[in-house]
Amino acid sequence: MTESGSSKRVQVLRPLFLWVFVWLAGFGVVHAQQEKLPTEPVTVQTASGESHVFTSEMAMTQEQQAMGMMFRTEMAPDEGMLFVFPEVRRASFWMRNTLIPLDLIFVRANGRIANIVENATPQTDTSRRSQGRVKAVFEIPGGRAAELGIKAGDLVVHPAFGG
């Protein structure tokens, strides 16, 4: 093959190599963003008197809350993520780039559960909303709320709710 043919192959392959490099770099960023946040215990006390303690990542900043559970492939049954808002407000969550089903527990300022969206379907843009104004959203593995008998009106215990 002539030198010009070799040169053409390099010109064709260069964008491909650049794309692969950018993709791999982006993959590294996603992995960096998947690192776990600091954890604190969060307890849910049911109306029947049972207490369930979760090791919960604390999503406190806008950046942490925007990332949430995106790109995670697993969550242990006793793990969760608590999103605490700076002010009480109506909350709405979606599952774009979230790879596992989650129960979204919307929590009022006094720690009482306003409502639960069970087994939110992964990788969807459907809006899951609080019923009224809430101080936080507590995410646990999909189906756990039903398994543990957690319902609206139960109490979430954490210093964010004054307890």
Protein backbone atom coordinates (compact mmCIF):
# COMPACT_ATOMS: atom_id res chain seq x y z
CA MET A 1 0.00 0.00 0.00
CA THR A 2 1.21 3.51 -0.68
CA GLU A 3 2.04 6.03 1.97
CA SER A 4 -1.05 8.06 1.05
CA GLY A 5 -3.27 4.98 1.67
CA SER A 6 -1.74 4.56 5.09
CA SER A 7 -2.30 8.25 5.76
CA LYS A 8 -5.98 7.91 4.82
CA ARG A 9 -6.40 5.01 7.27
CA VAL A 10 -4.90 7.14 10.06
CA GLN A 11 -7.28 10.00 9.19
CA VAL A 12 -10.24 7.62 9.33
CA LEU A 13 -9.14 5.91 12.55
CA ARG A 14 -8.13 9.07 14.44
CA PRO A 15 -11.77 10.17 15.11
CA LEU A 16 -12.61 6.62 16.16
CA PHE A 17 -9.71 6.55 18.64
CA LEU A 18 -10.73 10.00 19.91
CA TRP A 19 -14.33 8.83 20.40
CA VAL A 20 -13.17 5.71 22.28
CA PHE A 21 -10.88 7.82 24.48
CA VAL A 22 -13.67 10.27 25.31
CA TRP A 23 -16.07 7.38 26.02
CA LEU A 24 -13.58 5.71 28.34
CA ALA A 25 -12.86 9.00 30.10
CA GLY A 26 -16.60 9.50 30.57
CA PHE A 27 -16.90 5.96 31.93
CA GLY A 28 -14.23 6.83 34.50
CA VAL A 29 -16.19 9.94 35.51
CA VAL A 30 -19.35 7.88 35.96
CA HIS A 31 -17.46 5.47 38.19
CA ALA A 32 -16.05 8.37 40.19
CA GLN A 33 -19.57 9.72 40.67
CA GLN A 34 -20.79 6.31 41.84
CA GLU A 35 -18.62 6.43 44.92
CA LYS A 36 -20.68 6.23 48.05
CA LEU A 37 -21.51 9.34 50.05
CA PRO A 38 -20.99 9.61 53.82
CA THR A 39 -23.48 7.43 55.68
CA GLU A 40 -25.66 7.85 58.76
CA PRO A 41 -28.25 5.56 60.31
CA VAL A 42 -31.87 6.25 59.40
CA THR A 43 -34.57 4.40 61.33
CA VAL A 44 -38.14 3.82 60.22
CA GLN A 45 -40.60 3.12 63.03
CA THR A 46 -43.78 1.45 61.80
CA ALA A 47 -47.25 1.84 63.30
CA SER A 48 -46.98 -1.77 64.52
CA GLY A 49 -43.97 -0.76 66.67
CA GLU A 50 -41.20 -2.30 64.58
CA SER A 51 -37.98 -0.38 63.94
CA HIS A 52 -35.93 -0.84 60.78
CA VAL A 53 -32.45 0.71 60.65
CA PHE A 54 -30.86 1.54 57.30
CA THR A 55 -27.27 2.55 56.61
CA SER A 56 -28.05 5.60 54.51
CA GLU A 57 -25.96 7.71 52.23
CA MET A 58 -26.62 11.39 52.81
CA ALA A 59 -27.37 13.37 49.64
CA MET A 60 -27.22 16.89 51.04
CA THR A 61 -25.94 19.13 48.23
CA GLN A 62 -27.64 19.89 44.91
CA GLU A 63 -24.88 18.01 43.09
CA GLN A 64 -25.26 14.92 45.30
CA GLN A 65 -29.03 15.03 44.93
CA ALA A 66 -28.82 15.42 41.16
CA MET A 67 -26.64 12.28 40.95
CA GLY A 68 -28.57 10.28 43.56
CA MET A 69 -28.59 6.57 42.78
CA MET A 70 -27.86 7.01 39.07
CA PHE A 71 -25.67 4.33 37.47
CA ARG A 72 -25.70 2.14 40.61
CA THR A 73 -26.21 -1.54 39.92
CA GLU A 74 -27.05 -2.70 43.43
CA MET A 75 -28.22 -1.65 46.87
CA ALA A 76 -28.20 -3.92 49.91
CA PRO A 77 -31.56 -4.55 51.64
CA ASP A 78 -30.50 -2.49 54.69
CA GLU A 79 -29.12 0.46 52.69
CA GLY A 80 -30.75 3.68 51.61
CA MET A 81 -30.13 7.23 50.48
CA LEU A 82 -31.62 10.25 52.25
CA PHE A 83 -32.15 13.46 50.25
CA VAL A 84 -32.63 16.33 52.71
CA PHE A 85 -33.87 19.61 51.20
CA PRO A 86 -32.91 23.05 52.55
CA GLU A 87 -36.61 23.95 52.74
CA VAL A 88 -39.92 22.11 52.89
CA ARG A 89 -41.35 21.80 49.37
CA ARG A 90 -43.20 19.61 46.91
CA ALA A 91 -40.74 17.04 45.57
CA SER A 92 -40.63 15.20 42.27
CA PHE A 93 -38.19 12.45 41.31
CA TRP A 94 -37.54 10.48 38.12
CA MET A 95 -35.49 7.36 37.45
CA ARG A 96 -33.46 8.40 34.38
CA ASN A 97 -30.08 6.65 34.50
CA THR A 98 -31.15 4.78 37.64
CA LEU A 99 -30.56 1.11 36.96
CA ILE A 100 -32.34 -0.54 39.90
CA PRO A 101 -35.95 -0.26 41.16
CA LEU A 102 -36.37 1.89 44.24
CA ASP A 103 -39.03 2.71 46.81
CA LEU A 104 -39.27 6.50 47.16
CA ILE A 105 -40.42 7.47 50.64
CA PHE A 106 -41.49 11.14 50.85
CA VAL A 107 -40.98 12.47 54.38
CA ARG A 108 -42.57 15.54 56.01
CA ALA A 109 -40.58 17.94 58.22
CA ASN A 110 -41.81 16.14 61.36
CA GLY A 111 -40.46 12.79 60.08
CA ARG A 112 -43.87 11.33 59.18
CA ILE A 113 -44.10 9.56 55.83
CA ALA A 114 -46.36 11.51 53.46
CA ASN A 115 -46.47 8.86 50.74
CA ILE A 116 -44.46 6.05 49.17
CA VAL A 117 -43.88 5.31 45.50
CA GLU A 118 -43.11 1.60 45.49
CA ASN A 119 -40.85 -0.15 42.98
CA ALA A 120 -40.26 2.89 40.77
CA THR A 121 -39.38 1.56 37.33
CA PRO A 122 -35.71 2.10 36.43
CA GLN A 123 -34.59 4.25 33.49
CA THR A 124 -37.84 6.18 33.12
CA ASP A 125 -38.66 9.88 33.06
CA THR A 126 -42.01 9.43 34.78
CA SER A 127 -42.40 12.01 37.52
CA ARG A 128 -42.92 10.53 41.00
CA ARG A 129 -44.32 13.22 43.29
CA SER A 130 -44.82 13.87 46.95
CA GLN A 131 -48.32 14.28 48.29
CA GLY A 132 -47.89 17.72 49.74
CA ARG A 133 -44.76 19.45 50.97
CA VAL A 134 -41.86 17.36 52.30
CA LYS A 135 -38.46 17.89 53.90
CA ALA A 136 -36.81 14.79 52.44
CA VAL A 137 -37.00 11.74 50.23
CA PHE A 138 -35.67 8.43 51.48
CA GLU A 139 -34.80 5.87 48.80
CA ILE A 140 -34.55 2.18 49.66
CA PRO A 141 -34.38 -0.93 47.45
CA GLY A 142 -37.56 -1.51 45.46
CA GLY A 143 -40.10 -3.62 47.32
CA ARG A 144 -38.54 -3.19 50.79
CA ALA A 145 -41.24 -0.86 52.10
CA ALA A 146 -43.91 -3.50 51.45
CA GLU A 147 -41.67 -6.30 52.79
CA LEU A 148 -41.13 -4.41 56.04
CA GLY A 149 -44.68 -3.07 56.38
CA ILE A 150 -43.59 0.57 55.99
CA LYS A 151 -46.57 2.81 55.19
CA ALA A 152 -47.64 6.45 54.98
CA GLY A 153 -47.90 7.86 58.50
CA ASP A 154 -44.93 5.85 59.84
CA LEU A 155 -42.04 7.76 61.38
CA VAL A 156 -38.57 8.28 59.89
CA VAL A 157 -36.07 9.03 62.67
CA HIS A 158 -33.02 11.12 61.81
CA PRO A 159 -31.63 14.46 63.10
CA ALA A 160 -32.89 16.14 59.90
CA PHE A 161 -36.40 15.76 61.36
CA GLY A 162 -35.50 17.02 64.82
CA GLY A 163 -35.03 13.61 66.42
